[in-house]
């Protein structure tokens, strides 16, 4: 199962607090971004509940597969 599907609808806003989000900016902190699925899902839920802007901040990010460094081996002659 893909990470985006696994996390879908895992978060919610308590109905008694929905009005507090209207037209607000929310900053979400995460320790590490891997796929980005968690932050994307949280942002979707907040925007669906009237937050006007969601800013995601993270301490670290894992490299994307295209960004991973390749190890170059020296050829001995």
Protein backbone atom coordinates (compact mmCIF):
# COMPACT_ATOMS: atom_id res chain seq x y z
CA UNK A 1 0.00 0.00 0.00
CA UNK A 2 1.27 3.42 -0.92
CA UNK A 3 2.08 5.79 1.98
CA UNK A 4 -0.36 8.45 0.75
CA UNK A 5 -3.22 5.94 0.79
CA UNK A 6 -2.18 4.54 4.17
CA UNK A 7 -2.30 7.95 5.85
CA UNK A 8 -5.54 9.14 4.19
CA UNK A 9 -8.14 10.25 6.78
CA UNK A 10 -5.85 9.39 9.70
CA UNK A 11 -6.15 12.93 11.12
CA UNK A 12 -9.19 15.04 11.94
CA UNK A 13 -10.17 18.32 13.53
CA UNK A 14 -12.39 18.08 16.58
CA UNK A 15 -15.73 19.60 15.48
CA UNK A 16 -15.88 21.91 18.52
CA UNK A 17 -12.63 23.60 17.35
CA UNK A 18 -13.38 23.93 13.62
CA UNK A 19 -14.49 27.55 13.94
CA UNK A 20 -11.12 28.52 15.43
CA UNK A 21 -9.35 27.60 12.17
CA UNK A 22 -11.34 29.90 9.93
CA UNK A 23 -9.04 32.29 8.03
CA UNK A 24 -5.99 31.37 10.10
CA UNK A 25 -2.41 30.49 9.27
CA UNK A 26 -1.27 27.23 10.83
CA UNK A 27 2.36 26.16 11.16
CA UNK A 28 2.95 22.40 11.37
CA UNK A 29 6.29 21.12 12.70
CA UNK A 30 7.64 17.66 11.91
CA UNK A 31 10.97 16.08 12.82
CA UNK A 32 11.72 14.30 9.52
CA UNK A 33 10.08 14.42 6.10
CA UNK A 34 10.35 11.14 4.25
CA UNK A 35 7.61 10.88 1.61
CA UNK A 36 5.81 14.07 2.65
CA UNK A 37 2.54 12.15 3.02
CA UNK A 38 1.96 13.08 6.67
CA UNK A 39 2.47 16.82 6.19
CA UNK A 40 0.38 16.80 3.00
CA UNK A 41 -2.49 15.00 4.73
CA UNK A 42 -2.40 17.33 7.75
CA UNK A 43 -2.39 20.36 5.44
CA UNK A 44 -5.34 18.93 3.47
CA UNK A 45 -7.36 18.38 6.65
CA UNK A 46 -6.60 21.89 7.96
CA UNK A 47 -7.47 23.53 4.62
CA UNK A 48 -10.70 21.48 4.40
CA UNK A 49 -11.56 22.93 7.82
CA UNK A 50 -11.12 26.57 6.74
CA UNK A 51 -7.47 27.29 7.52
CA UNK A 52 -6.37 29.84 4.93
CA UNK A 53 -2.67 28.94 4.91
CA UNK A 54 -0.69 25.94 6.17
CA UNK A 55 3.09 26.22 6.50
CA UNK A 56 5.07 23.00 6.98
CA UNK A 57 8.43 23.12 8.73
CA UNK A 58 10.71 20.15 9.33
CA UNK A 59 14.08 19.67 10.94
CA UNK A 60 15.36 17.09 8.42
CA UNK A 61 14.41 15.61 5.06
CA UNK A 62 15.46 12.25 3.70
CA UNK A 63 16.95 12.42 0.21
CA UNK A 64 14.63 11.76 -2.70
CA UNK A 65 15.66 8.73 -4.77
CA UNK A 66 16.90 11.01 -7.58
CA UNK A 67 18.94 13.02 -5.08
CA UNK A 68 20.77 10.09 -3.51
CA UNK A 69 24.47 10.24 -4.04
CA UNK A 70 26.19 7.54 -5.99
CA UNK A 71 29.45 6.23 -4.67
CA UNK A 72 32.22 6.61 -7.21
CA UNK A 73 34.87 3.92 -7.02
CA UNK A 74 38.43 4.78 -7.96
CA UNK A 75 39.87 2.52 -10.63
CA UNK A 76 43.32 1.24 -9.74
CA UNK A 77 45.70 0.94 -12.68
